[in-house]
Amino acid sequence: ILEAFELAFLWAFVAEMIVMMAALGPRRYWLSPATAFDGAIVIISCVQEAMGTSGPLTALRTLRLLRVLNKLAGRWPSFRVLLKAMVKTGYSLNYWLGLF
């Protein structure tokens, strides 16, 4: 049942990508960082689906979560502030890990 939901969401995202490309035009769609990121995630997901569930792109599934978080941050300003703080903390931890 989980695979059915995954496929349904993939088709919904493909439909969204097609509608956005029709509305913005391919050039404006791919020049905007947010829509280009969404489009890349959708294309990677389609390639992964075509290759099967155990392909090398399975590790990129976490990017789907980033896509959803990006959408939420666009509509929820306080959540955007929280995400920015988390990203800055991640960068700071990178330097801290360099000590070891």
N, C-alpha and C. Protein backbone atom coordinates (compact mmCIF):
# COMPACT_ATOMS: atom_id res chain seq x y z
N ILE A 1 0.82 -1.19 0.00
CA ILE A 1 0.00 0.00 0.00
C ILE A 1 0.87 1.27 0.00
N LEU A 2 2.03 1.17 0.64
CA LEU A 2 2.95 2.31 0.67
C LEU A 2 3.45 2.63 -0.73
N GLU A 3 3.72 1.60 -1.51
CA GLU A 3 4.18 1.82 -2.88
C GLU A 3 3.09 2.49 -3.73
N ALA A 4 1.84 2.16 -3.46
CA ALA A 4 0.73 2.78 -4.20
C ALA A 4 0.65 4.27 -3.88
N PHE A 5 0.83 4.62 -2.61
CA PHE A 5 0.84 6.04 -2.23
C PHE A 5 2.03 6.76 -2.84
N GLU A 6 3.17 6.10 -2.83
CA GLU A 6 4.37 6.71 -3.41
C GLU A 6 4.16 7.00 -4.90
N LEU A 7 3.59 6.06 -5.61
CA LEU A 7 3.33 6.24 -7.03
C LEU A 7 2.27 7.33 -7.28
N ALA A 8 1.25 7.38 -6.43
CA ALA A 8 0.21 8.40 -6.57
C ALA A 8 0.79 9.80 -6.36
N PHE A 9 1.65 9.95 -5.34
CA PHE A 9 2.27 11.25 -5.11
C PHE A 9 3.23 11.62 -6.23
N LEU A 10 3.92 10.63 -6.76
CA LEU A 10 4.82 10.90 -7.88
C LEU A 10 4.04 11.45 -9.06
N TRP A 11 2.91 10.84 -9.37
CA TRP A 11 2.10 11.32 -10.50
C TRP A 11 1.52 12.70 -10.22
N ALA A 12 1.18 12.96 -8.95
CA ALA A 12 0.69 14.30 -8.60
C ALA A 12 1.79 15.34 -8.80
N PHE A 13 3.01 15.00 -8.42
CA PHE A 13 4.13 15.93 -8.59
C PHE A 13 4.48 16.11 -10.06
N VAL A 14 4.35 15.05 -10.85
CA VAL A 14 4.59 15.16 -12.29
C VAL A 14 3.54 16.09 -12.91
N ALA A 15 2.30 15.93 -12.49
CA ALA A 15 1.23 16.80 -13.00
C ALA A 15 1.48 18.25 -12.61
N GLU A 16 1.92 18.47 -11.37
CA GLU A 16 2.23 19.82 -10.92
C GLU A 16 3.36 20.43 -11.76
N MET A 17 4.37 19.63 -12.05
CA MET A 17 5.50 20.10 -12.85
C MET A 17 5.04 20.49 -14.25
N ILE A 18 4.18 19.69 -14.84
CA ILE A 18 3.69 19.98 -16.19
C ILE A 18 2.86 21.26 -16.20
N VAL A 19 1.99 21.41 -15.20
CA VAL A 19 1.16 22.62 -15.12
C VAL A 19 2.03 23.85 -14.90
N MET A 20 3.02 23.75 -14.01
CA MET A 20 3.91 24.89 -13.75
C MET A 20 4.71 25.25 -14.99
N MET A 21 5.18 24.25 -15.72
CA MET A 21 5.94 24.52 -16.95
C MET A 21 5.05 25.17 -18.00
N ALA A 22 3.81 24.74 -18.07
CA ALA A 22 2.88 25.36 -19.03
C ALA A 22 2.57 26.80 -18.64
N ALA A 23 2.48 27.06 -17.35
CA ALA A 23 2.15 28.41 -16.89
C ALA A 23 3.34 29.35 -17.01
N LEU A 24 4.52 28.90 -16.60
CA LEU A 24 5.71 29.76 -16.60
C LEU A 24 6.50 29.72 -17.90
N GLY A 25 6.38 28.62 -18.59
CA GLY A 25 7.24 28.38 -19.74
C GLY A 25 8.49 27.65 -19.26
N PRO A 26 9.06 26.80 -20.10
CA PRO A 26 10.21 25.99 -19.67
C PRO A 26 11.40 26.84 -19.20
N ARG A 27 11.66 27.93 -19.88
CA ARG A 27 12.82 28.76 -19.52
C ARG A 27 12.69 29.35 -18.11
N ARG A 28 11.55 29.98 -17.83
CA ARG A 28 11.34 30.57 -16.50
C ARG A 28 11.24 29.50 -15.43
N TYR A 29 10.70 28.34 -15.80
CA TYR A 29 10.59 27.24 -14.83
C TYR A 29 11.97 26.81 -14.36
N TRP A 30 12.90 26.61 -15.30
CA TRP A 30 14.22 26.10 -14.94
C TRP A 30 15.17 27.18 -14.44
N LEU A 31 14.83 28.45 -14.65
CA LEU A 31 15.68 29.53 -14.14
C LEU A 31 15.37 29.87 -12.68
N SER A 32 14.20 29.55 -12.20
CA SER A 32 13.85 29.79 -10.80
C SER A 32 14.44 28.66 -9.96
N PRO A 33 15.23 28.99 -8.93
CA PRO A 33 15.86 27.93 -8.12
C PRO A 33 14.85 26.99 -7.45
N ALA A 34 13.74 27.52 -6.97
CA ALA A 34 12.77 26.68 -6.27
C ALA A 34 12.10 25.69 -7.22
N THR A 35 11.65 26.17 -8.38
CA THR A 35 10.98 25.26 -9.30
C THR A 35 11.97 24.32 -9.98
N ALA A 36 13.20 24.79 -10.20
CA ALA A 36 14.22 23.91 -10.77
C ALA A 36 14.54 22.77 -9.80
N PHE A 37 14.61 23.08 -8.51
CA PHE A 37 14.85 22.04 -7.50
C PHE A 37 13.71 21.04 -7.50
N ASP A 38 12.47 21.54 -7.52
CA ASP A 38 11.31 20.65 -7.57
C ASP A 38 11.33 19.78 -8.82
N GLY A 39 11.64 20.39 -9.96
CA GLY A 39 11.70 19.64 -11.21
C GLY A 39 12.77 18.57 -11.20
N ALA A 40 13.92 18.89 -10.65
CA ALA A 40 15.00 17.90 -10.56
C ALA A 40 14.59 16.74 -9.68
N ILE A 41 13.93 17.02 -8.57
CA ILE A 41 13.47 15.95 -7.67
C ILE A 41 12.46 15.06 -8.39
N VAL A 42 11.55 15.66 -9.14
CA VAL A 42 10.54 14.88 -9.87
C VAL A 42 11.21 14.01 -10.93
N ILE A 43 12.15 14.57 -11.66
CA ILE A 43 12.84 13.79 -12.70
C ILE A 43 13.63 12.64 -12.08
N ILE A 44 14.35 12.91 -10.99
CA ILE A 44 15.10 11.85 -10.30
C ILE A 44 14.15 10.77 -9.81
N SER A 45 13.00 11.17 -9.28
CA SER A 45 12.02 10.19 -8.79
C SER A 45 11.47 9.34 -9.93
N CYS A 46 11.23 9.96 -11.09
CA CYS A 46 10.75 9.19 -12.25
C CYS A 46 11.80 8.20 -12.73
N VAL A 47 13.05 8.62 -12.77
CA VAL A 47 14.13 7.72 -13.18
C VAL A 47 14.25 6.57 -12.19
N GLN A 48 14.15 6.89 -10.90
CA GLN A 48 14.23 5.85 -9.88
C GLN A 48 13.08 4.86 -10.03
N GLU A 49 11.90 5.35 -10.29
CA GLU A 49 10.74 4.47 -10.47
C GLU A 49 10.93 3.56 -11.69
N ALA A 50 11.52 4.10 -12.74
CA ALA A 50 11.75 3.30 -13.95
C ALA A 50 12.82 2.24 -13.71
N MET A 51 13.80 2.55 -12.86
CA MET A 51 14.89 1.60 -12.59
C MET A 51 14.48 0.52 -11.59
N GLY A 52 13.45 0.78 -10.82
CA GLY A 52 13.05 -0.16 -9.77
C GLY A 52 13.40 0.40 -8.41
N THR A 53 12.91 -0.25 -7.38
CA THR A 53 13.07 0.28 -6.03
C THR A 53 14.45 0.09 -5.46
N SER A 54 15.26 -0.78 -6.02
CA SER A 54 16.58 -1.03 -5.43
C SER A 54 17.71 -0.43 -6.26
N GLY A 55 17.43 0.61 -7.01
CA GLY A 55 18.45 1.25 -7.83
C GLY A 55 19.38 2.13 -7.01
N PRO A 56 20.40 2.67 -7.66
CA PRO A 56 21.37 3.52 -6.94
C PRO A 56 20.79 4.87 -6.53
N LEU A 57 19.65 5.25 -7.06
CA LEU A 57 19.07 6.55 -6.72
C LEU A 57 18.19 6.48 -5.48
N THR A 58 18.11 5.32 -4.84
CA THR A 58 17.27 5.16 -3.66
C THR A 58 17.72 6.08 -2.54
N ALA A 59 19.00 6.35 -2.46
CA ALA A 59 19.52 7.22 -1.40
C ALA A 59 19.05 8.66 -1.57
N LEU A 60 18.61 9.02 -2.75
CA LEU A 60 18.16 10.39 -3.00
C LEU A 60 16.72 10.62 -2.58
N ARG A 61 16.10 9.64 -1.95
CA ARG A 61 14.71 9.81 -1.50
C ARG A 61 14.58 10.91 -0.46
N THR A 62 15.63 11.16 0.28
CA THR A 62 15.56 12.21 1.29
C THR A 62 15.36 13.58 0.67
N LEU A 63 15.74 13.75 -0.60
CA LEU A 63 15.52 15.03 -1.26
C LEU A 63 14.03 15.34 -1.40
N ARG A 64 13.20 14.31 -1.43
CA ARG A 64 11.76 14.54 -1.48
C ARG A 64 11.29 15.26 -0.23
N LEU A 65 11.89 14.91 0.91
CA LEU A 65 11.54 15.59 2.15
C LEU A 65 11.92 17.07 2.06
N LEU A 66 13.07 17.36 1.48
CA LEU A 66 13.49 18.75 1.32
C LEU A 66 12.51 19.52 0.43
N ARG A 67 11.95 18.85 -0.54
CA ARG A 67 10.98 19.49 -1.43
C ARG A 67 9.73 19.90 -0.64
N VAL A 68 9.25 19.01 0.22
CA VAL A 68 8.08 19.31 1.04
C VAL A 68 8.40 20.43 2.03
N LEU A 69 9.58 20.36 2.65
CA LEU A 69 9.96 21.41 3.59
C LEU A 69 10.08 22.76 2.90
N ASN A 70 10.56 22.76 1.67
CA ASN A 70 10.66 23.99 0.89
C ASN A 70 9.27 24.59 0.66
N LYS A 71 8.31 23.74 0.33
CA LYS A 71 6.93 24.21 0.12
C LYS A 71 6.34 24.78 1.42
N LEU A 72 6.58 24.09 2.54
CA LEU A 72 6.06 24.57 3.81
C LEU A 72 6.69 25.89 4.22
N ALA A 73 7.99 26.02 3.97
CA ALA A 73 8.69 27.25 4.35
C ALA A 73 8.19 28.44 3.54
N GLY A 74 7.76 28.20 2.31
CA GLY A 74 7.24 29.28 1.49
C GLY A 74 5.90 29.80 1.99
N ARG A 75 5.14 28.97 2.66
CA ARG A 75 3.80 29.36 3.10
C ARG A 75 3.72 29.68 4.60
N TRP A 76 4.77 29.37 5.33
CA TRP A 76 4.74 29.50 6.78
C TRP A 76 6.01 30.22 7.23
N PRO A 77 5.96 31.55 7.40
CA PRO A 77 7.17 32.33 7.68
C PRO A 77 7.92 31.90 8.94
N SER A 78 7.20 31.54 9.99
CA SER A 78 7.89 31.14 11.22
C SER A 78 8.64 29.82 11.02
N PHE A 79 8.10 28.95 10.18
CA PHE A 79 8.78 27.70 9.87
C PHE A 79 10.04 27.96 9.06
N ARG A 80 9.99 28.97 8.18
CA ARG A 80 11.15 29.36 7.39
C ARG A 80 12.28 29.82 8.31
N VAL A 81 11.95 30.59 9.34
CA VAL A 81 12.96 31.04 10.30
C VAL A 81 13.58 29.85 11.02
N LEU A 82 12.76 28.89 11.39
CA LEU A 82 13.26 27.68 12.06
C LEU A 82 14.18 26.89 11.15
N LEU A 83 13.81 26.74 9.88
CA LEU A 83 14.66 26.00 8.94
C LEU A 83 15.99 26.71 8.72
N LYS A 84 15.97 28.03 8.62
CA LYS A 84 17.22 28.77 8.46
C LYS A 84 18.13 28.58 9.66
N ALA A 85 17.56 28.59 10.86
CA ALA A 85 18.35 28.36 12.06
C ALA A 85 18.94 26.96 12.07
N MET A 86 18.17 25.98 11.60
CA MET A 86 18.67 24.60 11.55
C MET A 86 19.82 24.47 10.55
N VAL A 87 19.71 25.14 9.42
CA VAL A 87 20.77 25.09 8.41
C VAL A 87 22.04 25.74 8.94
N LYS A 88 21.90 26.90 9.59
CA LYS A 88 23.08 27.56 10.17
C LYS A 88 23.72 26.71 11.25
N THR A 89 22.90 26.02 12.04
CA THR A 89 23.44 25.12 13.06
C THR A 89 24.20 23.98 12.40
N GLY A 90 23.67 23.46 11.30
CA GLY A 90 24.35 22.39 10.58
C GLY A 90 25.70 22.83 10.06
N TYR A 91 25.79 24.05 9.53
CA TYR A 91 27.07 24.56 9.07
C TYR A 91 28.05 24.70 10.24
N SER A 92 27.56 25.16 11.38
CA SER A 92 28.43 25.30 12.55
C SER A 92 28.92 23.95 13.04
N LEU A 93 28.06 22.95 13.00
CA LEU A 93 28.47 21.60 13.42
C LEU A 93 29.53 21.04 12.48
N ASN A 94 29.50 21.44 11.24
CA ASN A 94 30.51 20.98 10.29
C ASN A 94 31.90 21.40 10.74
N TYR A 95 32.03 22.63 11.21
CA TYR A 95 33.32 23.10 11.71
C TYR A 95 33.70 22.38 13.00
N TRP A 96 32.71 22.13 13.84
CA TRP A 96 32.98 21.45 15.09
C TRP A 96 33.46 20.02 14.83
N LEU A 97 32.84 19.34 13.85
CA LEU A 97 33.26 17.98 13.52
C LEU A 97 34.66 17.95 12.93
N GLY A 98 35.08 19.05 12.32
CA GLY A 98 36.42 19.13 11.77
C GLY A 98 37.50 19.06 12.82
N LEU A 99 37.15 19.32 14.07
CA LEU A 99 38.13 19.25 15.16
C LEU A 99 38.52 17.82 15.48
N PHE A 100 37.67 16.88 15.13
CA PHE A 100 37.95 15.50 15.47
C PHE A 100 38.48 14.82 14.27
